[in-house]
Amino acid sequence: MFVGKRRRSRQFALLATALVAVLLSGTGATAQPASAPQSSGTESRGRPGDWPTWQKDLRGSRHNPAEREIKKSTLDKLELKWAFAFLGKERNRGQPAVVGNMLYVGGSNGKLHALNAKTGAAKWTFDTGTVDGEPGWITNSPAVARGKVYFGDNRGYLYAVGQHTGRLVWAQRIESNPYTLVTSSPLVYGGRVFVGVSSHENALFDPEADRNHPCCTFRGHVNSLDAETGSLRWRYYTVPTPQPVGTWPSGATHYGPSGAGVWGSPVVDPATATVYVGTGQNYSGSGGDFDSLLALDAWSGEVRWKRKMTPADTWRLQCALSEDPGYCPSRRDGTNLDWDVSASPNLFRVDGRTLVGVGQKKGTYHVMDAATGDIVWQRQLSTPMPNGGLSGIEWGSSYDGERIYAATWFADPGTLFALDPATGEILWQTPNPVDGCSWGGAAEHPDKCALGHAPAPTTTPGLVYEGSYDGKMRIYAADTGKVLWQYDVVRDFITVNGVPGRGNDIAGGGGAVVANGMLYIKTGYWSPYPNDKGNLLLAFGLRD
């Protein structure tokens, strides 16, 4: 574990190496005529034990109440059943979707795979390169609904392919900025597909290119598309159109305000047809709906309310790399924070009142009245880390009807928490085990290992699932936080598709998926450990 200045400087270095539009005028929603809702259900016709979307359900619980095979009394029988390796070594984001006996998962080589959920045998593969040339890196998690699989890529395309055939139904380019990242996973409701868009325009792969880039022209947005045709129904922009406001020290044009990307996945309250989604920080300038939770009308995109969590937050990679204050004007007043609301929200009820909760990268879990946006309670779970805020809640949390579960990333150490949904009281907290870097594959690379959680927690009755940067997948007791099961993935695996694979850290941008007696995880998010092989999808089930 690393602490103090050494720890933080290493995090900035990690960010520098691992991170990497057709713009409409105005701010807010650009809407097509609204249509009546076609359905109020999840629109997936799988079994109760399925996991068809990133959130598991419309309200974002990340909880599978129908799981009855994997439980405390059977964890000693939980073992690896199969492994699938992805071609390419880029960051492995997200998680699979599972419906019936099929699993759907994408990778950085631009292919979406349909596999047998029990065996890993391939049924079909869709190549994004068949649309507009070069394949796109699949940067989010698929959603299965209405007989289709919906997903996006880093070229700004959203796709719908046949659930049983893999044939393209439609492809819609929802963002043309060359640095686009569709990390927001789609959610299908009422005949619409809801998805956000972000980018890495503020953090280019090459530091010199980053310094000389005319930062920044990207602005985040939330989109509603027709689920059958892909046509845009409305779009809500989080910032106004960036304007030239001067030059950077390199002489490149300085645009602003920009950014406020939508990194996380939306949730929907079907009782009110309200979409809830978080936003990130400004890349340049200051303005718009940065570091906010938005509540939007599902049919028109109009704002019902919005809640800003940070007064000012403007961050680009040069805030961590350059000593020249001209590249990071926000350093002067300490607002170079990177405190996105990148996590997906949770909707739940307390004493007959619907609440919406969401984690933030500053380490706070916020709970608001879902109808008004008024703050009900807030709980600080880690010390905020400015200038690249990686200490807090990155991608999401889980609600099992009794407790909220949230985990912090690089928080010296990252910790898994259980919170009272009514008050925010910490019911228990379990730090990433201190020996995480001293055994398994991570022990061979102590200079690269750290104790923290990028994935969103997942729950089933009595159990919490959370993976770590130390390369361990762990299952905790939901009532006490005790570690009940752990598995080291930093090693070579024999794979069902014959591609050499090696595990790494447990992937963020998603988390564990538990469906129909199986546990699925992806590895290789920031890939801190040396790897000359493909990243992995691992499937676990009970020994016969």
Protein backbone atom coordinates (compact mmCIF):
# COMPACT_ATOMS: atom_id res chain seq x y z
CA MET A 1 0.00 0.00 0.00
CA PHE A 2 1.20 3.51 -0.76
CA VAL A 3 0.43 6.54 1.36
CA GLY A 4 0.98 10.28 1.39
CA LYS A 5 2.62 12.17 -1.48
CA ARG A 6 4.20 9.05 -2.93
CA ARG A 7 0.79 7.41 -3.11
CA ARG A 8 -0.88 10.37 -4.75
CA SER A 9 1.89 11.01 -7.26
CA ARG A 10 1.67 7.37 -8.30
CA GLN A 11 -2.08 7.71 -8.80
CA PHE A 12 -1.52 10.72 -11.07
CA ALA A 13 1.04 8.73 -13.05
CA LEU A 14 -1.41 5.85 -13.36
CA LEU A 15 -4.06 8.23 -14.60
CA ALA A 16 -1.68 9.76 -17.13
CA THR A 17 -0.82 6.41 -18.65
CA ALA A 18 -4.18 4.62 -18.38
CA LEU A 19 -6.67 7.36 -19.37
CA VAL A 20 -6.65 8.30 -22.53
CA ALA A 21 -18.92 16.11 -32.08
CA VAL A 22 -21.25 16.94 -33.98
CA LEU A 23 -22.19 19.81 -31.61
CA LEU A 24 -25.66 21.28 -31.48
CA SER A 25 -26.16 24.84 -30.25
CA GLY A 26 -27.76 25.70 -26.93
CA THR A 27 -27.97 24.03 -23.54
CA GLY A 28 -30.40 21.41 -22.32
CA ALA A 29 -32.71 19.15 -24.25
CA THR A 30 -33.14 19.03 -28.00
CA ALA A 31 -36.35 17.05 -28.34
CA GLN A 32 -38.26 15.30 -31.07
CA PRO A 33 -42.03 15.13 -30.49
CA ALA A 34 -42.67 12.89 -27.49
CA SER A 35 -44.60 9.68 -27.89
CA ALA A 36 -46.68 7.83 -25.34
CA PRO A 37 -44.88 5.19 -23.30
CA GLN A 38 -45.14 1.72 -24.76
CA SER A 39 -44.29 -0.25 -21.64
CA SER A 40 -43.72 0.28 -17.95
CA GLY A 41 -41.74 -2.92 -17.38
CA THR A 42 -38.12 -3.87 -17.74
CA GLU A 43 -38.92 -5.07 -21.29
CA SER A 44 -36.73 -8.13 -20.82
CA ARG A 45 -38.62 -11.42 -20.95
CA GLY A 46 -35.98 -13.57 -19.28
CA ARG A 47 -36.21 -15.53 -16.06
CA PRO A 48 -36.30 -13.80 -12.63
CA GLY A 49 -32.70 -14.89 -12.01
CA ASP A 50 -31.39 -13.17 -15.17
CA TRP A 51 -29.20 -10.05 -15.23
CA PRO A 52 -30.27 -8.22 -18.43
CA THR A 53 -28.81 -4.73 -17.81
CA TRP A 54 -25.91 -3.02 -16.04
CA GLN A 55 -28.19 -2.04 -13.16
CA LYS A 56 -30.00 -5.44 -13.06
CA ASP A 57 -33.32 -3.54 -13.03
CA LEU A 58 -34.80 -0.15 -13.88
CA ARG A 59 -34.22 1.26 -10.39
CA GLY A 60 -30.53 0.41 -10.31
CA SER A 61 -30.46 -2.04 -7.41
CA ARG A 62 -27.57 -4.24 -8.67
CA HIS A 63 -29.30 -6.90 -6.57
CA ASN A 64 -30.53 -10.30 -7.74
CA PRO A 65 -33.18 -11.43 -5.23
CA ALA A 66 -33.90 -14.62 -7.20
CA GLU A 67 -30.41 -16.11 -6.74
CA ARG A 68 -30.76 -19.20 -4.54
CA GLU A 69 -27.86 -21.44 -5.59
CA ILE A 70 -24.92 -19.26 -4.55
CA LYS A 71 -25.34 -18.61 -0.83
CA LYS A 72 -23.32 -18.74 2.38
CA SER A 73 -23.76 -22.48 2.76
CA THR A 74 -22.55 -23.27 -0.78
CA LEU A 75 -19.55 -20.95 -1.15
CA ASP A 76 -17.14 -23.78 -0.42
CA LYS A 77 -18.36 -25.35 -3.68
CA LEU A 78 -17.91 -22.22 -5.80
CA GLU A 79 -15.22 -22.86 -8.42
CA LEU A 80 -14.05 -21.67 -11.83
CA LYS A 81 -16.11 -23.24 -14.63
CA TRP A 82 -14.65 -21.55 -17.71
CA ALA A 83 -12.62 -18.59 -18.92
CA PHE A 84 -12.93 -16.56 -22.13
CA ALA A 85 -10.07 -14.34 -23.37
CA PHE A 86 -10.47 -11.16 -25.41
CA LEU A 87 -8.14 -10.34 -28.27
CA GLY A 88 -6.36 -7.06 -27.56
CA LYS A 89 -4.89 -5.75 -24.34
CA GLU A 90 -6.71 -2.44 -23.92
CA ARG A 91 -8.69 -1.69 -20.78
CA ASN A 92 -11.41 -4.25 -20.14
CA ARG A 93 -14.48 -2.35 -18.97
CA GLY A 94 -17.94 -3.34 -17.93
CA GLN A 95 -19.69 -6.64 -17.37
CA PRO A 96 -21.80 -9.15 -19.29
CA ALA A 97 -25.58 -9.38 -19.54
CA VAL A 98 -27.21 -12.76 -18.89
CA VAL A 99 -30.67 -13.73 -20.15
CA GLY A 100 -31.82 -17.34 -20.07
CA ASN A 101 -28.97 -19.64 -21.03
CA MET A 102 -27.12 -16.94 -23.00
CA LEU A 103 -24.48 -14.41 -22.00
CA TYR A 104 -23.60 -11.27 -23.99
CA VAL A 105 -20.27 -9.47 -23.57
CA GLY A 106 -18.09 -7.03 -25.49
CA GLY A 107 -14.38 -6.30 -25.54
CA SER A 108 -11.72 -3.87 -26.67
CA ASN A 109 -11.32 -5.62 -30.04
CA GLY A 110 -14.72 -4.30 -31.10
CA LYS A 111 -16.59 -7.60 -30.98
CA LEU A 112 -19.76 -8.45 -29.08
CA HIS A 113 -19.95 -12.16 -28.23
CA ALA A 114 -22.99 -14.31 -27.46
CA LEU A 115 -21.89 -17.29 -25.35
CA ASN A 116 -23.59 -20.17 -23.60
CA ALA A 117 -23.83 -18.94 -20.02
CA LYS A 118 -23.01 -22.33 -18.50
CA THR A 119 -20.21 -23.48 -20.81
CA GLY A 120 -18.82 -20.42 -22.60
CA ALA A 121 -19.46 -22.00 -26.01
CA ALA A 122 -19.87 -19.38 -28.74
CA LYS A 123 -23.21 -18.87 -30.47
CA TRP A 124 -22.52 -15.75 -32.54
CA THR A 125 -20.19 -12.75 -32.74
CA PHE A 126 -20.96 -9.24 -34.01
CA ASP A 127 -18.07 -7.12 -35.29
CA THR A 128 -18.49 -3.34 -34.93
CA GLY A 129 -16.02 -2.97 -37.81
CA THR A 130 -18.85 -3.91 -40.18
CA VAL A 131 -20.27 -0.45 -39.46
CA ASP A 132 -18.25 2.41 -40.93
CA GLY A 133 -14.91 0.64 -41.25
CA GLU A 134 -12.54 0.28 -38.28
CA PRO A 135 -13.98 -1.54 -35.25
CA GLY A 136 -14.84 0.40 -32.12
CA TRP A 137 -13.74 -0.51 -28.63
CA ILE A 138 -16.84 -1.63 -26.70
CA THR A 139 -16.59 0.56 -23.62
CA ASN A 140 -19.88 -0.20 -21.87
CA SER A 141 -22.05 -3.15 -20.86
CA PRO A 142 -24.84 -4.55 -23.04
CA ALA A 143 -28.54 -4.39 -22.26
CA VAL A 144 -30.90 -7.11 -23.48
CA ALA A 145 -34.52 -6.15 -24.15
CA ARG A 146 -37.22 -6.41 -26.83
CA GLY A 147 -35.36 -9.25 -28.57
CA LYS A 148 -32.25 -7.11 -29.06
CA VAL A 149 -28.87 -6.46 -27.48
CA TYR A 150 -27.99 -2.75 -27.13
CA PHE A 151 -24.43 -1.48 -26.58
CA GLY A 152 -22.03 1.32 -27.54
CA ASP A 153 -18.42 1.87 -28.59
CA ASN A 154 -15.67 4.49 -28.41
CA ARG A 155 -16.52 5.83 -31.87
CA GLY A 156 -19.78 7.17 -30.48
CA TYR A 157 -22.02 4.50 -32.02
CA LEU A 158 -24.93 2.85 -30.27
CA TYR A 159 -25.98 -0.52 -31.72
CA ALA A 160 -28.95 -2.84 -31.61
CA VAL A 161 -28.38 -6.42 -32.78
CA GLY A 162 -30.70 -9.40 -32.78
CA GLN A 163 -30.59 -11.22 -29.45
CA HIS A 164 -30.70 -14.66 -31.07
CA THR A 165 -28.92 -13.98 -34.36
CA GLY A 166 -26.37 -11.22 -33.79
CA ARG A 167 -27.55 -9.48 -36.94
CA LEU A 168 -27.44 -5.70 -36.98
CA VAL A 169 -30.85 -4.09 -36.52
CA TRP A 170 -29.59 -0.50 -36.40
CA ALA A 171 -26.52 1.57 -35.60
CA GLN A 172 -26.79 5.22 -34.64
CA ARG A 173 -23.83 7.55 -34.17
CA ILE A 174 -24.72 9.63 -31.14
CA GLU A 175 -21.37 11.48 -30.86
CA SER A 176 -18.65 12.23 -33.42
CA ASN A 177 -15.95 13.70 -31.16
CA PRO A 178 -12.85 11.57 -31.88
CA TYR A 179 -12.20 11.10 -28.15
CA THR A 180 -15.66 9.73 -27.39
CA LEU A 181 -16.22 7.10 -24.71
CA VAL A 182 -19.68 5.57 -24.37
CA THR A 183 -19.04 4.12 -20.91
CA SER A 184 -22.66 4.73 -19.94
CA SER A 185 -24.54 1.47 -20.42
CA PRO A 186 -27.92 1.67 -22.14
CA LEU A 187 -31.19 1.24 -20.27
CA VAL A 188 -34.38 0.30 -22.14
CA TYR A 189 -37.76 1.55 -20.94
CA GLY A 190 -41.04 2.42 -22.63
CA GLY A 191 -39.79 1.77 -26.14
CA ARG A 192 -36.79 4.06 -25.59
CA VAL A 193 -33.08 3.50 -25.06
CA PHE A 194 -31.47 5.90 -22.57
CA VAL A 195 -27.70 6.35 -22.61
CA GLY A 196 -25.10 8.99 -21.77
CA VAL A 197 -21.90 10.00 -23.56
CA SER A 198 -18.52 11.08 -22.25
CA SER A 199 -14.99 11.40 -23.65
CA HIS A 200 -11.31 11.50 -22.77
CA GLU A 201 -10.64 14.73 -24.66
CA ASN A 202 -9.24 16.21 -21.44
CA ALA A 203 -6.83 13.29 -20.97
CA LEU A 204 -5.20 12.19 -24.22
CA PHE A 205 -2.95 9.16 -24.38
CA ASP A 206 0.17 11.16 -25.19
CA PRO A 207 1.23 13.90 -22.69
CA GLU A 208 2.73 16.12 -25.41
CA ALA A 209 -0.38 15.82 -27.54
CA ASP A 210 -2.43 16.60 -24.45
CA ARG A 211 -0.46 19.83 -23.83
CA ASN A 212 -0.87 20.98 -27.44
CA HIS A 213 -4.51 20.04 -27.80
CA PRO A 214 -7.07 22.86 -28.24
CA CYS A 215 -8.96 21.73 -25.15
CA CYS A 216 -11.85 21.26 -25.21
CA THR A 217 -14.89 21.11 -27.47
CA PHE A 218 -16.66 18.03 -26.12
CA ARG A 219 -19.82 18.44 -24.06
CA GLY A 220 -21.60 15.62 -22.31
CA HIS A 221 -25.13 14.58 -23.09
CA VAL A 222 -27.93 12.16 -22.28
CA ASN A 223 -29.82 10.60 -25.19
CA SER A 224 -33.20 9.00 -25.70
CA LEU A 225 -33.51 6.86 -28.84
CA ASP A 226 -36.32 4.84 -30.31
CA ALA A 227 -35.61 1.23 -29.32
CA GLU A 228 -36.88 -0.15 -32.63
CA THR A 229 -35.29 2.26 -35.11
CA GLY A 230 -32.47 4.06 -33.26
CA SER A 231 -33.88 7.48 -34.19
CA LEU A 232 -33.08 10.24 -31.70
CA ARG A 233 -36.10 11.30 -29.66
CA TRP A 234 -34.34 13.85 -27.46
CA ARG A 235 -30.88 14.88 -26.31
CA TYR A 236 -29.97 16.80 -23.16
CA TYR A 237 -26.62 18.61 -23.23
CA THR A 238 -24.88 19.17 -19.90
CA VAL A 239 -22.98 22.31 -20.99
CA PRO A 240 -23.54 25.02 -23.60
CA THR A 241 -21.55 24.95 -26.84
CA PRO A 242 -17.87 25.60 -25.93
CA GLN A 243 -16.52 28.89 -27.24
CA PRO A 244 -12.93 30.09 -27.86
CA VAL A 245 -11.86 32.12 -24.82
CA GLY A 246 -8.12 32.52 -25.39
CA THR A 247 -5.11 30.27 -25.82
CA TRP A 248 -3.27 27.66 -23.80
CA PRO A 249 0.47 28.13 -23.11
CA SER A 250 1.20 26.01 -26.20
CA GLY A 251 -0.68 28.50 -28.36
CA ALA A 252 -3.55 26.11 -28.97
CA THR A 253 -7.04 27.58 -28.78
CA HIS A 254 -8.62 27.47 -25.34
CA TYR A 255 -12.32 26.54 -25.50
CA GLY A 256 -14.82 26.55 -22.67
CA PRO A 257 -16.83 25.63 -20.80
CA SER A 258 -16.61 21.99 -21.83
CA GLY A 259 -16.90 18.47 -20.47
CA ALA A 260 -19.44 17.35 -17.87
CA GLY A 261 -19.50 13.96 -19.54
CA VAL A 262 -22.04 11.31 -18.58
CA TRP A 263 -19.94 8.32 -17.52
CA GLY A 264 -22.46 6.23 -15.60
CA SER A 265 -25.66 4.47 -16.54
CA PRO A 266 -29.11 6.00 -16.02
CA VAL A 267 -31.91 4.57 -13.91
CA VAL A 268 -35.66 5.10 -14.31
CA ASP A 269 -38.50 5.40 -11.85
CA PRO A 270 -41.40 3.85 -13.80
CA ALA A 271 -43.93 5.33 -11.36
CA THR A 272 -43.06 8.85 -12.50
CA ALA A 273 -41.22 8.20 -15.82
CA THR A 274 -38.18 10.05 -14.51
CA VAL A 275 -34.64 9.35 -15.68
CA TYR A 276 -31.83 9.90 -13.15
CA VAL A 277 -28.18 10.15 -14.22
CA GLY A 278 -24.94 11.70 -12.98
CA THR A 279 -22.43 13.98 -14.71
CA GLY A 280 -18.68 14.60 -14.56
CA GLN A 281 -16.46 17.65 -14.11
CA ASN A 282 -15.75 20.49 -16.53
CA TYR A 283 -12.73 19.92 -18.79
CA SER A 284 -12.15 23.64 -19.29
CA GLY A 285 -13.93 26.75 -18.09
CA SER A 286 -16.73 26.49 -15.58
CA GLY A 287 -20.42 26.13 -16.27
CA GLY A 288 -23.32 23.86 -17.02
CA ASP A 289 -24.43 20.79 -15.11
CA PHE A 290 -21.05 19.48 -13.95
CA ASP A 291 -20.76 17.11 -10.91
CA SER A 292 -24.55 16.88 -10.83
CA LEU A 293 -27.40 14.43 -10.54
CA LEU A 294 -30.05 15.12 -13.18
CA ALA A 295 -33.73 14.17 -13.00
CA LEU A 296 -35.19 14.32 -16.51
CA ASP A 297 -38.64 13.63 -17.92
CA ALA A 298 -38.32 10.32 -19.77
CA TRP A 299 -40.56 11.38 -22.67
CA SER A 300 -39.39 14.95 -23.31
CA GLY A 301 -35.93 15.26 -21.71
CA GLU A 302 -37.06 18.32 -19.77
CA VAL A 303 -35.43 18.92 -16.40
CA ARG A 304 -37.54 18.03 -13.38
CA TRP A 305 -34.71 18.98 -11.04
CA LYS A 306 -30.93 18.90 -10.86
CA ARG A 307 -28.59 18.87 -7.88
CA LYS A 308 -24.97 20.07 -8.17
CA MET A 309 -22.64 18.32 -5.70
CA THR A 310 -19.55 20.53 -6.12
CA PRO A 311 -19.48 24.36 -6.44
CA ALA A 312 -16.65 24.33 -9.00
CA ASP A 313 -14.62 21.52 -10.57
CA THR A 314 -12.46 21.91 -13.67
CA TRP A 315 -9.88 19.22 -14.36
CA ARG A 316 -7.79 18.01 -17.27
CA LEU A 317 -4.75 15.74 -17.27
CA GLN A 318 -2.38 18.70 -17.32
CA CYS A 319 -3.54 19.51 -13.78
CA ALA A 320 -1.59 16.41 -12.74
CA LEU A 321 1.28 16.62 -15.23
CA SER A 322 2.26 20.22 -15.83
CA GLU A 323 3.85 22.76 -13.49
CA ASP A 324 2.72 25.58 -15.77
CA PRO A 325 -0.43 27.05 -14.11
CA GLY A 326 -1.62 28.20 -17.51
CA TYR A 327 -2.60 24.63 -18.31
CA CYS A 328 -4.66 24.32 -15.13
CA PRO A 329 -6.16 27.69 -14.13
CA SER A 330 -8.35 25.93 -11.57
CA ARG A 331 -5.24 25.09 -9.54
CA ARG A 332 -5.12 28.69 -8.28
CA ASP A 333 -8.38 28.34 -6.36
CA GLY A 334 -8.19 24.62 -5.65
CA THR A 335 -11.02 23.59 -7.93
CA ASN A 336 -8.89 21.15 -10.01
CA LEU A 337 -10.78 18.30 -8.37
CA ASP A 338 -12.04 15.62 -10.79
CA TRP A 339 -14.94 14.81 -8.47
CA ASP A 340 -17.37 13.37 -11.03
CA VAL A 341 -20.73 11.89 -10.22
CA SER A 342 -19.70 8.96 -12.42
CA ALA A 343 -21.64 6.30 -10.50
CA SER A 344 -25.04 4.98 -11.46
CA PRO A 345 -27.81 5.93 -8.96
CA ASN A 346 -30.04 3.72 -6.78
CA LEU A 347 -33.78 4.25 -6.30
CA PHE A 348 -35.36 2.95 -3.09
CA ARG A 349 -38.20 3.66 -0.71
CA VAL A 350 -38.01 4.59 2.97
CA ASP A 351 -41.22 5.07 5.02
CA GLY A 352 -43.30 5.40 1.87
CA ARG A 353 -41.01 8.01 0.32
CA THR A 354 -39.00 7.39 -2.87
CA LEU A 355 -35.36 8.37 -2.52
CA VAL A 356 -32.51 8.44 -5.01
CA GLY A 357 -28.93 7.85 -3.90
CA VAL A 358 -25.67 8.20 -5.78
CA GLY A 359 -21.96 7.97 -5.04
CA GLN A 360 -19.36 10.56 -6.02
CA LYS A 361 -15.63 10.34 -6.68
CA LYS A 362 -14.99 12.65 -3.72
CA GLY A 363 -16.12 9.71 -1.55
CA THR A 364 -19.60 10.96 -0.60
CA TYR A 365 -22.80 8.97 -0.93
CA HIS A 366 -25.70 11.42 -1.41
CA VAL A 367 -29.40 10.65 -0.88
CA MET A 368 -32.12 12.96 -2.17
CA ASP A 369 -35.89 13.07 -2.35
CA ALA A 370 -36.59 11.58 -5.78
CA ALA A 371 -39.43 14.04 -6.45
CA THR A 372 -37.69 17.27 -5.46
CA GLY A 373 -33.94 16.72 -5.29
CA ASP A 374 -33.85 17.92 -1.68
CA ILE A 375 -30.96 16.41 0.29
CA VAL A 376 -32.11 13.80 2.82
CA TRP A 377 -28.67 12.70 4.04
CA GLN A 378 -25.03 12.54 2.94
CA ARG A 379 -22.26 10.26 4.17
CA GLN A 380 -18.56 10.86 3.59
CA LEU A 381 -16.86 7.47 3.13
CA SER A 382 -13.31 8.50 2.20
CA THR A 383 -11.03 11.52 2.36
CA PRO A 384 -11.51 13.52 -0.84
CA MET A 385 -8.43 13.49 -3.06
CA PRO A 386 -8.17 16.55 -5.35
CA ASN A 387 -6.41 16.72 -8.71
CA GLY A 388 -7.50 13.30 -9.98
CA GLY A 389 -10.16 12.17 -7.53
CA LEU A 390 -9.73 8.41 -7.43
CA SER A 391 -10.26 7.84 -3.72
CA GLY A 392 -14.05 7.72 -3.77
CA ILE A 393 -17.01 5.85 -5.29
CA GLU A 394 -16.30 5.27 -8.96
CA TRP A 395 -19.08 3.39 -10.77
CA GLY A 396 -22.01 2.48 -8.55
CA SER A 397 -23.52 0.87 -5.50
CA SER A 398 -26.08 -1.79 -4.59
CA TYR A 399 -29.33 -1.87 -2.59
CA ASP A 400 -30.76 -5.19 -1.39
CA GLY A 401 -33.90 -3.91 0.35
CA GLU A 402 -32.12 -3.67 3.72
CA ARG A 403 -28.80 -1.91 3.19
CA ILE A 404 -26.92 0.22 0.67
CA TYR A 405 -23.47 -1.08 -0.25
CA ALA A 406 -20.78 1.25 -1.58
CA ALA A 407 -17.04 0.78 -2.02
CA THR A 408 -14.16 3.26 -2.26
CA TRP A 409 -11.20 2.92 -4.60
CA PHE A 410 -7.75 4.32 -3.73
CA ALA A 411 -8.65 5.41 -0.19
CA ASP A 412 -5.64 4.01 1.74
CA PRO A 413 -7.16 1.42 1.71
CA GLY A 414 -10.34 1.19 -0.30
CA THR A 415 -13.21 0.00 1.90
CA LEU A 416 -16.59 -1.70 1.42
CA PHE A 417 -19.42 -0.09 3.42
CA ALA A 418 -22.97 -1.04 4.38
CA LEU A 419 -25.23 1.97 5.05
CA ASP A 420 -28.66 2.39 6.61
CA PRO A 421 -30.88 3.64 3.75
CA ALA A 422 -32.96 5.81 6.11
CA THR A 423 -30.16 7.64 7.91
CA GLY A 424 -26.83 6.92 6.21
CA GLU A 425 -25.47 5.36 9.39
CA ILE A 426 -22.49 3.10 8.67
CA LEU A 427 -23.67 -0.36 9.71
CA TRP A 428 -20.32 -1.97 8.98
CA GLN A 429 -17.16 -1.29 7.02
CA THR A 430 -14.56 -3.77 5.78
CA PRO A 431 -11.26 -2.45 4.43
CA ASN A 432 -9.65 -4.18 1.49
CA PRO A 433 -7.75 -6.96 3.31
CA VAL A 434 -4.28 -5.74 4.23
CA ASP A 435 -2.64 -8.90 2.88
CA GLY A 436 -4.12 -8.39 -0.61
CA CYS A 437 -0.76 -7.44 -2.12
CA SER A 438 1.24 -10.14 -0.35
CA TRP A 439 -0.29 -13.28 -1.85
CA GLY A 440 -1.36 -14.44 -5.30
CA GLY A 441 -0.09 -12.93 -8.53
CA ALA A 442 -0.01 -9.38 -7.14
CA ALA A 443 2.67 -10.42 -4.64
CA GLU A 444 5.10 -10.68 -7.55
CA HIS A 445 4.60 -6.95 -8.26
CA PRO A 446 4.37 -5.15 -4.89
CA ASP A 447 5.38 -1.85 -6.51
CA LYS A 448 2.26 -1.96 -8.69
CA CYS A 449 -0.29 -3.38 -6.25
CA ALA A 450 -2.75 -1.25 -4.28
CA LEU A 451 -5.77 -1.91 -2.09
CA GLY A 452 -8.96 -0.52 -3.55
CA HIS A 453 -12.18 -1.14 -5.44
CA ALA A 454 -13.03 0.15 -8.91
CA PRO A 455 -16.06 -2.13 -9.52
CA ALA A 456 -19.57 -1.38 -8.34
CA PRO A 457 -20.74 -3.80 -5.60
CA THR A 458 -23.29 -6.48 -6.44
CA THR A 459 -25.62 -8.30 -4.02
CA THR A 460 -27.70 -11.44 -3.76
CA PRO A 461 -29.58 -12.57 -0.63
CA GLY A 462 -27.07 -12.52 2.22
CA LEU A 463 -24.00 -11.82 0.05
CA VAL A 464 -22.02 -8.86 -1.34
CA TYR A 465 -19.61 -9.24 -4.28
CA GLU A 466 -16.71 -6.84 -4.81
CA GLY A 467 -13.43 -7.06 -6.74
CA SER A 468 -10.15 -5.32 -6.07
CA TYR A 469 -7.14 -3.71 -7.72
CA ASP A 470 -5.09 -6.38 -5.90
CA GLY A 471 -6.47 -8.96 -8.33
CA LYS A 472 -8.80 -10.68 -5.87
CA MET A 473 -12.53 -11.28 -6.27
CA ARG A 474 -14.22 -11.43 -2.86
CA ILE A 475 -17.64 -12.31 -1.46
CA TYR A 476 -18.68 -10.73 1.85
CA ALA A 477 -21.44 -11.45 4.35
CA ALA A 478 -24.16 -8.85 3.83
CA ASP A 479 -24.98 -8.63 7.54
CA THR A 480 -21.44 -8.34 8.94
CA GLY A 481 -19.02 -7.52 6.12
CA LYS A 482 -16.91 -10.60 6.85
CA VAL A 483 -14.92 -11.97 3.89
CA LEU A 484 -16.39 -15.39 3.13
CA TRP A 485 -14.70 -16.29 -0.18
CA GLN A 486 -11.85 -14.93 -2.29
CA TYR A 487 -10.18 -15.90 -5.53
CA ASP A 488 -6.93 -14.64 -7.07
CA VAL A 489 -7.12 -13.99 -10.82
CA VAL A 490 -3.57 -12.75 -11.53
CA ARG A 491 -2.36 -15.83 -13.38
CA ASP A 492 -2.66 -17.60 -16.73
CA PHE A 493 -5.90 -19.34 -17.68
CA ILE A 494 -6.84 -21.98 -20.23
CA THR A 495 -9.72 -20.49 -22.19
CA VAL A 496 -12.73 -21.93 -24.01
CA ASN A 497 -11.93 -19.91 -27.13
CA GLY A 498 -8.29 -20.92 -27.31
CA VAL A 499 -6.93 -17.36 -26.91
CA PRO A 500 -4.14 -17.10 -24.31
CA GLY A 501 -5.45 -15.18 -21.30
CA ARG A 502 -4.09 -13.81 -18.05
CA GLY A 503 -5.98 -12.19 -15.21
CA ASN A 504 -5.26 -8.75 -13.78
CA ASP A 505 -7.19 -6.32 -11.58
CA ILE A 506 -10.98 -6.78 -11.44
CA ALA A 507 -12.66 -4.60 -14.06
CA GLY A 508 -14.43 -1.36 -13.26
CA GLY A 509 -17.15 0.25 -15.31
CA GLY A 510 -19.25 -2.63 -14.03
CA GLY A 511 -18.94 -5.31 -11.40
CA ALA A 512 -19.81 -8.90 -10.68
CA VAL A 513 -22.86 -10.38 -12.40
CA VAL A 514 -24.64 -13.16 -10.50
CA ALA A 515 -27.31 -14.96 -12.49
CA ASN A 516 -28.89 -18.42 -12.44
CA GLY A 517 -26.31 -19.98 -10.15
CA MET A 518 -23.25 -18.46 -11.86
CA LEU A 519 -20.84 -15.62 -11.00
CA TYR A 520 -19.20 -13.67 -13.84
CA ILE A 521 -16.38 -11.12 -13.65
CA LYS A 522 -14.09 -9.34 -16.13
CA THR A 523 -10.41 -8.62 -15.49
CA GLY A 524 -7.92 -6.06 -16.77
CA TYR A 525 -9.35 -2.60 -16.02
CA TRP A 526 -6.16 -0.57 -15.46
CA SER A 527 -4.02 -3.72 -15.84
CA PRO A 528 -1.28 -2.80 -13.36
CA TYR A 529 0.39 -6.22 -13.58
CA PRO A 530 2.45 -7.25 -16.63
CA ASN A 531 0.38 -9.12 -19.17
CA ASP A 532 1.32 -10.33 -22.64
CA LYS A 533 -2.00 -12.14 -23.10
CA GLY A 534 -5.67 -11.24 -23.47
CA ASN A 535 -7.89 -9.92 -20.71
CA LEU A 536 -10.57 -12.23 -19.40
CA LEU A 537 -14.18 -13.02 -18.63
CA LEU A 538 -14.27 -15.60 -15.83
CA ALA A 539 -17.31 -17.75 -14.97
CA PHE A 540 -17.79 -19.50 -11.63
CA GLY A 541 -20.42 -22.05 -10.59
CA LEU A 542 -21.03 -24.67 -7.92
CA ARG A 543 -19.14 -27.94 -7.97
CA ASP A 544 -21.41 -30.91 -8.64
